[in-house]
N, C-alpha and C. Protein backbone atom coordinates (compact mmCIF):
# COMPACT_ATOMS: atom_id res chain seq x y z
N MET A 1 23.54 21.57 -14.84
CA MET A 1 22.18 22.00 -14.68
C MET A 1 21.38 20.71 -15.11
N GLU A 2 21.63 20.03 -16.03
CA GLU A 2 20.79 19.01 -16.57
C GLU A 2 20.65 17.87 -15.59
N LYS A 3 21.73 17.52 -14.90
CA LYS A 3 21.77 16.53 -13.72
C LYS A 3 20.67 16.90 -12.70
N ASN A 4 20.82 18.16 -12.31
CA ASN A 4 20.00 18.78 -11.30
C ASN A 4 18.47 18.65 -11.65
N LEU A 5 18.18 18.90 -12.96
CA LEU A 5 16.90 18.89 -13.21
C LEU A 5 16.47 17.48 -13.25
N LYS A 6 17.09 16.40 -13.67
CA LYS A 6 16.86 15.03 -13.79
C LYS A 6 16.57 14.62 -12.31
N LYS A 7 17.39 14.99 -11.29
CA LYS A 7 17.27 14.63 -9.99
C LYS A 7 16.11 15.24 -9.46
N ARG A 8 15.75 16.60 -9.69
CA ARG A 8 14.41 17.10 -9.19
C ARG A 8 13.23 16.48 -9.74
N LEU A 9 13.47 16.14 -11.13
CA LEU A 9 12.15 15.30 -11.72
C LEU A 9 11.91 14.11 -10.90
N LYS A 10 13.09 13.24 -10.70
CA LYS A 10 13.03 12.05 -10.08
C LYS A 10 12.24 12.16 -8.66
N GLU A 11 12.69 13.16 -7.94
CA GLU A 11 12.28 13.43 -6.52
C GLU A 11 10.69 14.00 -6.60
N THR A 12 10.51 14.73 -7.67
CA THR A 12 9.11 15.24 -7.77
C THR A 12 8.16 14.04 -8.05
N LEU A 13 8.49 12.98 -8.93
CA LEU A 13 7.70 11.88 -9.24
C LEU A 13 7.65 11.06 -8.00
N PHE A 14 8.58 10.74 -7.36
CA PHE A 14 8.48 10.03 -6.05
C PHE A 14 7.60 10.55 -5.20
N ALA A 15 7.72 11.91 -4.88
CA ALA A 15 6.89 12.66 -3.91
C ALA A 15 5.50 12.53 -4.20
N THR A 16 5.21 12.71 -5.64
CA THR A 16 3.77 12.73 -6.09
C THR A 16 3.15 11.07 -5.84
N VAL A 17 3.89 10.33 -6.27
CA VAL A 17 3.32 8.93 -6.12
C VAL A 17 3.19 8.74 -4.58
N LEU A 18 4.13 9.13 -3.65
CA LEU A 18 3.88 8.85 -2.31
C LEU A 18 2.80 9.63 -1.70
N PHE A 19 2.50 10.91 -2.13
CA PHE A 19 1.40 11.66 -1.81
C PHE A 19 0.11 10.95 -1.99
N PHE A 20 -0.07 10.53 -3.24
CA PHE A 20 -1.29 9.91 -3.63
C PHE A 20 -1.54 8.47 -3.03
N ALA A 21 -0.48 7.88 -2.83
CA ALA A 21 -0.57 6.57 -2.08
C ALA A 21 -1.05 6.80 -0.58
N PHE A 22 -0.37 7.92 -0.09
CA PHE A 22 -0.84 8.39 1.29
C PHE A 22 -2.32 8.61 1.35
N VAL A 23 -2.76 9.38 0.43
CA VAL A 23 -4.21 9.80 0.39
C VAL A 23 -5.15 8.68 0.10
N HIS A 24 -4.71 7.76 -0.73
CA HIS A 24 -5.45 6.54 -0.92
C HIS A 24 -5.60 5.59 0.22
N ILE A 25 -4.48 5.42 1.06
CA ILE A 25 -4.62 4.74 2.32
C ILE A 25 -5.46 5.48 3.27
N ALA A 26 -5.25 6.80 3.44
CA ALA A 26 -6.09 7.48 4.32
C ALA A 26 -7.55 7.41 4.11
N ILE A 27 -7.97 7.44 2.74
CA ILE A 27 -9.39 7.20 2.40
C ILE A 27 -9.91 5.93 2.72
N LEU A 28 -9.08 4.69 2.51
CA LEU A 28 -9.49 3.49 2.92
C LEU A 28 -9.64 3.34 4.41
N VAL A 29 -8.66 3.92 5.20
CA VAL A 29 -8.84 3.82 6.63
C VAL A 29 -10.01 4.54 7.09
N VAL A 30 -10.44 5.72 6.64
CA VAL A 30 -11.71 6.40 7.02
C VAL A 30 -12.87 5.52 6.56
N TYR A 31 -12.91 5.01 5.52
CA TYR A 31 -13.99 3.96 4.97
C TYR A 31 -14.08 2.87 5.82
N THR A 32 -12.98 2.26 6.23
CA THR A 32 -12.97 1.08 7.13
C THR A 32 -13.57 1.43 8.52
N ALA A 33 -13.20 2.62 8.96
CA ALA A 33 -13.71 3.16 10.21
C ALA A 33 -15.26 3.27 10.28
N VAL A 34 -15.65 3.94 9.07
CA VAL A 34 -17.07 4.18 8.96
C VAL A 34 -17.99 3.00 8.63
N SER A 35 -17.43 2.11 7.79
CA SER A 35 -18.35 1.12 7.35
C SER A 35 -18.00 -0.24 8.28
N GLY A 36 -17.00 -0.36 8.94
CA GLY A 36 -16.67 -1.40 9.83
C GLY A 36 -16.17 -2.75 9.12
N LYS A 37 -15.90 -2.50 7.77
CA LYS A 37 -15.37 -3.59 6.80
C LYS A 37 -13.84 -3.63 6.98
N ILE A 38 -13.29 -4.49 7.84
CA ILE A 38 -11.89 -4.54 8.07
C ILE A 38 -11.14 -5.11 6.77
N GLU A 39 -11.88 -5.75 5.93
CA GLU A 39 -11.37 -6.31 4.76
C GLU A 39 -10.78 -5.31 3.75
N THR A 40 -11.28 -4.01 3.91
CA THR A 40 -10.98 -2.98 2.97
C THR A 40 -9.46 -2.61 3.21
N ILE A 41 -8.99 -2.71 4.21
CA ILE A 41 -7.39 -2.40 4.33
C ILE A 41 -6.64 -3.59 4.43
N ASN A 42 -7.11 -4.69 3.81
CA ASN A 42 -6.21 -5.84 3.60
C ASN A 42 -5.49 -5.62 2.43
N ILE A 43 -4.07 -5.92 2.52
CA ILE A 43 -3.16 -5.53 1.45
C ILE A 43 -3.66 -6.32 0.01
N PHE A 44 -4.14 -7.46 0.23
CA PHE A 44 -4.48 -8.22 -1.09
C PHE A 44 -5.64 -7.51 -1.61
N ASN A 45 -6.58 -6.90 -0.96
CA ASN A 45 -7.70 -6.11 -1.72
C ASN A 45 -7.20 -4.78 -1.99
N ILE A 46 -6.25 -4.15 -1.51
CA ILE A 46 -5.73 -2.88 -1.92
C ILE A 46 -4.89 -3.09 -3.18
N LEU A 47 -4.33 -4.24 -3.38
CA LEU A 47 -3.50 -4.37 -4.54
C LEU A 47 -4.23 -5.08 -5.49
N ASN A 48 -5.66 -5.33 -5.26
CA ASN A 48 -6.58 -6.03 -6.32
C ASN A 48 -6.10 -7.50 -6.61
N PHE A 49 -5.43 -8.30 -5.62
CA PHE A 49 -5.06 -9.64 -5.98
C PHE A 49 -6.30 -10.49 -6.15
N ASN A 50 -7.44 -9.91 -5.56
CA ASN A 50 -8.65 -10.65 -5.61
C ASN A 50 -9.22 -10.85 -7.14
N PHE A 51 -8.51 -10.04 -8.04
CA PHE A 51 -8.89 -10.37 -9.52
C PHE A 51 -8.43 -11.63 -9.97
N PHE A 52 -7.16 -12.09 -9.42
CA PHE A 52 -6.58 -13.31 -9.75
C PHE A 52 -6.95 -14.37 -8.87
N LEU A 53 -7.13 -14.17 -7.67
CA LEU A 53 -7.42 -15.23 -6.76
C LEU A 53 -8.65 -14.78 -5.90
N PRO A 54 -9.71 -14.89 -6.40
CA PRO A 54 -11.04 -14.50 -5.76
C PRO A 54 -11.18 -15.07 -4.32
N GLY A 55 -11.48 -14.20 -3.36
CA GLY A 55 -11.65 -14.46 -2.05
C GLY A 55 -10.41 -14.41 -1.14
N ILE A 56 -9.33 -14.07 -1.79
CA ILE A 56 -7.99 -13.84 -1.05
C ILE A 56 -8.00 -12.84 0.00
N GLY A 57 -8.80 -11.73 -0.18
CA GLY A 57 -8.86 -10.57 0.72
C GLY A 57 -9.66 -10.77 1.84
N TYR A 58 -10.30 -11.99 2.13
CA TYR A 58 -11.36 -11.97 3.30
C TYR A 58 -10.90 -13.34 4.10
N GLY A 59 -11.22 -13.22 5.40
CA GLY A 59 -10.89 -14.31 6.35
C GLY A 59 -9.76 -13.90 7.31
N LEU A 60 -9.70 -14.53 8.33
CA LEU A 60 -8.77 -14.25 9.25
C LEU A 60 -7.39 -14.62 8.84
N VAL A 61 -7.17 -15.78 8.17
CA VAL A 61 -5.99 -16.21 7.69
C VAL A 61 -5.33 -15.03 6.58
N SER A 62 -6.16 -14.48 5.85
CA SER A 62 -5.78 -13.58 4.93
C SER A 62 -5.38 -12.22 5.62
N GLN A 63 -6.19 -11.96 6.70
CA GLN A 63 -5.72 -10.70 7.43
C GLN A 63 -4.31 -10.90 7.98
N LEU A 64 -4.18 -12.11 8.60
CA LEU A 64 -2.74 -12.25 9.18
C LEU A 64 -1.65 -12.40 8.03
N LEU A 65 -1.93 -12.94 6.94
CA LEU A 65 -0.99 -12.92 6.00
C LEU A 65 -0.81 -11.44 5.27
N SER A 66 -1.76 -10.85 5.33
CA SER A 66 -1.65 -9.22 4.96
C SER A 66 -0.75 -8.48 5.82
N ILE A 67 -0.96 -8.75 7.12
CA ILE A 67 -0.17 -8.11 8.05
C ILE A 67 1.36 -8.41 7.97
N LEU A 68 1.66 -9.80 7.91
CA LEU A 68 2.98 -10.25 7.63
C LEU A 68 3.58 -9.92 6.43
N LEU A 69 2.89 -9.76 5.34
CA LEU A 69 3.47 -9.27 4.12
C LEU A 69 3.91 -7.83 4.24
N ILE A 70 2.98 -7.09 4.86
CA ILE A 70 3.44 -5.61 4.91
C ILE A 70 4.54 -5.42 5.81
N PHE A 71 4.61 -6.04 7.01
CA PHE A 71 5.90 -5.99 7.79
C PHE A 71 7.15 -6.49 7.00
N GLY A 72 7.03 -7.58 6.39
CA GLY A 72 8.03 -8.27 5.67
C GLY A 72 8.60 -7.45 4.53
N VAL A 73 7.68 -6.83 3.78
CA VAL A 73 8.30 -5.73 2.96
C VAL A 73 8.86 -4.50 3.51
N ALA A 74 8.24 -4.03 4.45
CA ALA A 74 8.85 -2.83 5.27
C ALA A 74 10.18 -3.20 5.84
N LEU A 75 10.44 -4.40 6.36
CA LEU A 75 11.69 -4.75 6.95
C LEU A 75 12.63 -4.99 5.83
N THR A 76 12.21 -5.54 4.75
CA THR A 76 13.20 -5.77 3.59
C THR A 76 13.63 -4.33 3.11
N ILE A 77 12.68 -3.56 2.89
CA ILE A 77 13.18 -2.10 2.44
C ILE A 77 14.06 -1.43 3.40
N PHE A 78 13.65 -1.50 4.65
CA PHE A 78 14.53 -0.94 5.83
C PHE A 78 15.93 -1.35 5.82
N PHE A 79 16.05 -2.68 5.73
CA PHE A 79 17.43 -3.26 5.78
C PHE A 79 18.21 -3.19 4.39
N LEU A 80 17.58 -2.87 3.34
CA LEU A 80 18.22 -2.69 2.07
C LEU A 80 18.61 -1.29 1.78
N MET A 81 18.07 -0.34 2.51
CA MET A 81 18.46 1.18 2.21
C MET A 81 19.41 1.54 2.99
């Protein structure tokens, strides 16, 4: 029974984090659509990298690197699972 409880707690934690991540991204997408500020959905801005590297979330090169990073992480997870 204890193993089952630990498994359920892990699954619940994962589902909760995933839910709030989805809601967060959905809010950013809606805000981007309303405001027209494409930088809002740049992964460097979402992860607040701009705290360490000011300006990293802006510009065409940043947008392209953001897209490449997202696909790179997604493909890595896909092939590791």
